Protein backbone atom coordinates (compact mmCIF):
# COMPACT_ATOMS: atom_id res chain seq x y z
CA MET A 1 44.41 54.91 25.01
CA ARG A 2 42.30 55.56 22.03
CA LEU A 3 38.65 57.05 22.48
CA SER A 4 35.69 55.78 20.23
CA ASN A 5 32.15 56.20 20.86
CA GLY A 6 32.58 56.94 24.68
CA LEU A 7 34.91 54.37 25.01
CA ASP A 8 38.65 54.39 26.38
CA ILE A 9 40.12 51.46 24.03
CA PRO A 10 43.50 50.36 25.43
CA THR A 11 46.10 49.92 22.80
CA SER A 12 49.11 49.34 25.14
CA LEU A 13 50.54 47.70 27.99
CA GLU A 14 51.23 50.96 29.29
CA ASP A 15 47.19 52.03 29.13
CA LEU A 16 46.84 49.08 31.77
CA ALA A 17 49.48 48.78 34.25
CA THR A 18 47.37 50.39 37.08
CA PRO A 19 46.39 48.78 40.18
CA ALA A 20 42.81 49.82 38.84
CA ASN A 21 42.83 47.65 35.07
CA LEU A 22 45.43 45.23 36.16
CA ALA A 23 45.55 41.59 38.22
CA LEU A 24 48.03 38.95 38.18
CA LEU A 25 47.52 35.41 38.02
CA VAL A 26 49.90 32.73 39.05
CA TYR A 27 48.89 29.74 37.38
CA ASP A 28 49.21 26.14 38.51
CA MET A 29 52.53 26.62 40.13
CA GLN A 30 52.04 23.57 42.33
CA VAL A 31 54.63 21.37 43.84
CA GLY A 32 53.50 18.64 41.85
CA ILE A 33 53.67 20.04 38.80
CA CYS A 34 56.79 22.20 39.20
CA GLY A 35 58.63 18.60 39.64
CA GLN A 36 57.98 17.55 36.61
CA VAL A 37 59.25 20.53 34.58
CA GLU A 38 61.87 22.92 34.53
CA SER A 39 60.89 25.77 36.67
CA GLU A 40 63.41 27.12 37.99
CA SER A 41 63.85 30.45 35.76
CA VAL A 42 59.76 30.78 35.67
CA THR A 43 59.81 30.84 39.68
CA ALA A 44 62.45 33.42 39.70
CA GLY A 45 60.60 36.17 37.56
CA ILE A 46 57.33 34.86 39.10
CA ALA A 47 59.03 35.69 42.33
CA SER A 48 60.32 39.24 41.13
CA LEU A 49 56.85 40.22 39.45
CA LEU A 50 55.11 39.24 43.39
CA ILE A 51 57.24 41.74 44.77
CA THR A 52 56.43 44.27 42.13
CA ALA A 53 52.92 43.65 41.81
CA ARG A 54 52.04 43.59 45.37
CA ALA A 55 54.10 47.07 45.79
CA ALA A 56 51.88 48.09 43.44
CA GLY A 57 49.11 47.08 45.03
CA ILE A 58 48.04 44.77 42.31
CA ARG A 59 45.97 42.00 43.00
CA VAL A 60 47.46 38.76 43.01
CA ALA A 61 45.15 35.12 42.40
CA TYR A 62 46.60 32.24 42.05
CA SER A 63 45.26 28.72 40.43
CA ARG A 64 45.78 25.39 41.60
CA HIS A 65 44.73 22.53 39.55
CA LEU A 66 42.21 20.11 41.34
CA SER A 67 41.84 16.21 41.40
CA LEU A 68 38.72 14.49 42.49
CA SER A 69 38.45 11.08 43.89
CA LYS A 70 38.36 8.51 41.24
CA ALA A 71 34.56 7.99 42.90
CA TRP A 72 33.85 11.11 41.17
CA MET A 73 35.78 10.89 38.16
CA GLY A 74 34.47 11.81 34.68
CA VAL A 75 34.79 11.14 31.36
CA THR A 76 37.48 13.83 30.85
CA GLN A 77 39.17 13.55 33.80
CA TYR A 78 39.91 10.08 33.15
CA ARG A 79 40.99 10.84 30.16
CA MET A 80 43.58 13.70 31.03
CA ALA A 81 45.02 11.47 33.90
CA MET A 82 45.48 8.73 31.39
CA ALA A 83 47.22 11.05 28.88
CA TRP A 84 49.19 12.89 31.98
CA GLN A 85 50.20 9.46 33.45
CA ARG A 86 50.33 7.44 30.04
CA LYS A 87 48.32 4.84 30.80
CA ASP A 88 45.62 2.65 28.53
CA ASP A 89 43.45 1.35 30.85
CA PRO A 90 41.69 4.00 33.10
CA ALA A 91 41.81 1.57 35.87
CA ASP A 92 45.54 1.96 36.57
CA VAL A 93 45.49 6.13 37.07
CA SER A 94 45.69 7.80 40.04
CA PRO A 95 44.57 11.12 41.02
CA TRP A 96 47.50 13.15 41.57
CA PHE A 97 46.03 16.77 43.07
CA LEU A 98 43.69 15.56 45.55
CA PRO A 99 43.95 18.29 48.50
CA ASP A 100 45.62 16.78 51.08
CA ARG A 101 48.39 15.40 48.82
CA PRO A 102 51.70 17.63 48.65
CA GLY A 103 51.88 17.47 45.06
CA PHE A 104 48.58 19.97 45.14
CA ALA A 105 50.71 22.56 47.04
CA ILE A 106 51.79 26.40 45.76
CA ILE A 107 55.79 25.80 45.92
CA PRO A 108 57.01 27.59 49.15
CA GLU A 109 59.22 30.25 47.14
CA LEU A 110 55.80 31.94 45.63
CA ALA A 111 53.48 31.03 48.49
CA PRO A 112 50.54 33.35 48.20
CA ALA A 113 50.35 36.35 51.30
CA ALA A 114 47.20 36.76 53.47
CA ASP A 115 45.32 39.21 50.74
CA ASP A 116 45.68 36.96 47.38
CA PHE A 117 42.76 35.64 45.93
CA VAL A 118 43.61 31.29 45.69
CA PHE A 119 41.47 29.30 43.87
CA ASP A 120 40.90 25.41 42.63
CA LYS A 121 39.96 24.46 39.10
CA LEU A 122 39.15 20.98 37.32
CA ALA A 123 39.45 22.14 33.96
CA MET A 124 42.48 23.99 31.84
CA SER A 125 40.81 27.55 31.95
CA ALA A 126 41.05 29.38 35.19
CA PHE A 127 37.60 30.84 34.03
CA GLU A 128 35.73 27.61 33.67
CA GLY A 129 33.76 26.79 36.85
CA THR A 130 35.57 29.42 38.84
CA PRO A 131 34.74 32.84 40.63
CA LEU A 132 38.06 34.31 38.57
CA HIS A 133 35.80 35.85 36.19
CA PHE A 134 32.83 37.52 38.78
CA ALA A 135 35.76 38.80 41.25
CA LEU A 136 37.99 40.80 38.02
CA THR A 137 34.55 41.91 36.81
CA ASP A 138 33.28 43.08 40.11
CA ALA A 139 36.59 45.15 40.72
CA GLY A 140 36.32 46.68 37.50
CA VAL A 141 39.71 44.78 36.25
CA ARG A 142 40.27 44.97 32.76
CA ALA A 143 43.17 42.80 31.69
CA LEU A 144 44.65 39.84 33.51
CA VAL A 145 48.58 39.12 33.61
CA ILE A 146 49.33 35.29 33.49
CA ALA A 147 52.33 33.60 34.49
CA GLY A 148 53.29 30.14 35.79
CA ILE A 149 53.07 26.46 34.18
CA ALA A 150 51.93 25.34 31.52
CA MET A 151 51.80 27.68 28.35
CA GLU A 152 50.45 24.94 26.25
CA ILE A 153 48.10 23.35 28.69
CA GLY A 154 46.37 25.85 30.13
CA ILE A 155 48.02 29.34 29.94
CA GLU A 156 46.69 29.82 26.17
CA PRO A 157 43.41 28.08 27.21
CA THR A 158 43.15 30.97 30.14
CA ALA A 159 44.16 33.73 27.88
CA ARG A 160 41.26 32.51 25.11
CA HIS A 161 38.61 32.47 27.52
CA ALA A 162 39.80 35.83 28.66
CA ILE A 163 39.28 37.17 25.70
CA ASP A 164 36.08 35.56 24.85
CA LEU A 165 34.64 37.09 28.26
CA GLY A 166 36.14 40.80 27.79
CA ILE A 167 39.34 40.80 29.41
CA ILE A 168 42.68 41.38 28.36
CA PRO A 169 45.07 38.72 28.76
CA ILE A 170 48.81 39.47 29.25
CA ILE A 171 51.42 36.54 28.72
CA VAL A 172 55.07 37.48 30.64
CA GLU A 173 57.10 35.36 28.26
CA ASP A 174 60.35 34.86 30.69
CA ALA A 175 57.62 33.66 33.65
CA ILE A 176 55.63 31.17 31.61
CA GLY A 177 56.96 27.58 31.65
CA TRP A 178 56.24 24.35 29.36
CA GLY A 179 56.23 20.61 29.09
CA SER A 180 56.74 21.09 25.41
CA GLN A 181 58.75 24.21 24.00
CA GLU A 182 57.58 23.51 20.89
CA ALA A 183 54.16 23.30 21.81
CA ALA A 184 54.66 26.23 23.79
CA GLU A 185 55.75 28.14 20.80
CA ARG A 186 52.74 27.32 18.90
CA SER A 187 50.33 28.36 21.41
CA ILE A 188 52.13 31.88 21.72
CA ALA A 189 52.20 32.41 17.70
CA GLY A 190 48.32 31.33 17.48
CA LEU A 191 48.05 33.98 20.14
CA ARG A 192 50.14 36.70 18.59
CA PHE A 193 48.32 35.73 15.20
CA ALA A 194 45.14 36.40 17.05
CA GLY A 195 46.23 39.88 18.21
CA ASP A 196 43.97 40.30 21.43
CA ALA A 197 46.45 39.43 23.63
CA ILE A 198 49.44 41.23 25.00
CA PHE A 199 52.93 39.86 25.43
CA THR A 200 55.68 41.35 27.96
CA THR A 201 58.34 40.66 30.15
CA VAL A 202 58.94 40.63 33.67
CA ALA A 203 61.40 43.62 33.32
CA GLU A 204 59.38 45.81 31.28
CA LEU A 205 55.96 44.98 33.04
CA SER A 206 57.99 45.83 36.71
CA GLN A 207 59.45 48.84 35.10
CA LEU A 208 55.60 50.33 34.32
CA LEU A 209 54.14 48.96 37.55
CA GLY A 210 56.92 50.63 39.23
CA ARG A 211 56.18 54.10 38.36
């Protein structure tokens, strides 16, 4: 920790790894998403993190990607569905993540606990149009650990949005998944170059939280 102008400036993960400073976001670990990508190792990493975080008193949040019915889908949602479902005609797409569909649910291996914060989103950033920013700042949380799927689709936008909101993103590299490893590596390289995010592993973070 460094002191400047009356401010404590965290410079390492160790400076932030306390229940007062830190929250964990499990990003979009839904049945319909995990079924499309390799997710076994990510699930195992997050399961380990959840045990440690809950034992340490770290707040845990879960995001779920939400689809609207076609009557409510707008231009962006149609374009996204067309890209994901590889359809040229918007009439051919179907909402995948409606609340009453099995694919919407968090996978049972990572089921939220009673005190966890579960919220839904339409955008890729977990902050856009959700209560996450208010909840974090209202609790005085300074940094957000992010794990889940997919790095290049939603975790990078969430990390960059966090930085713009004054929240330090912490990426757990062995607890994130991707649709394209090449694209995910570019996302990680871009965040490393910018220098605002902190990167860690399940083992390193668990060790710090277990102190």
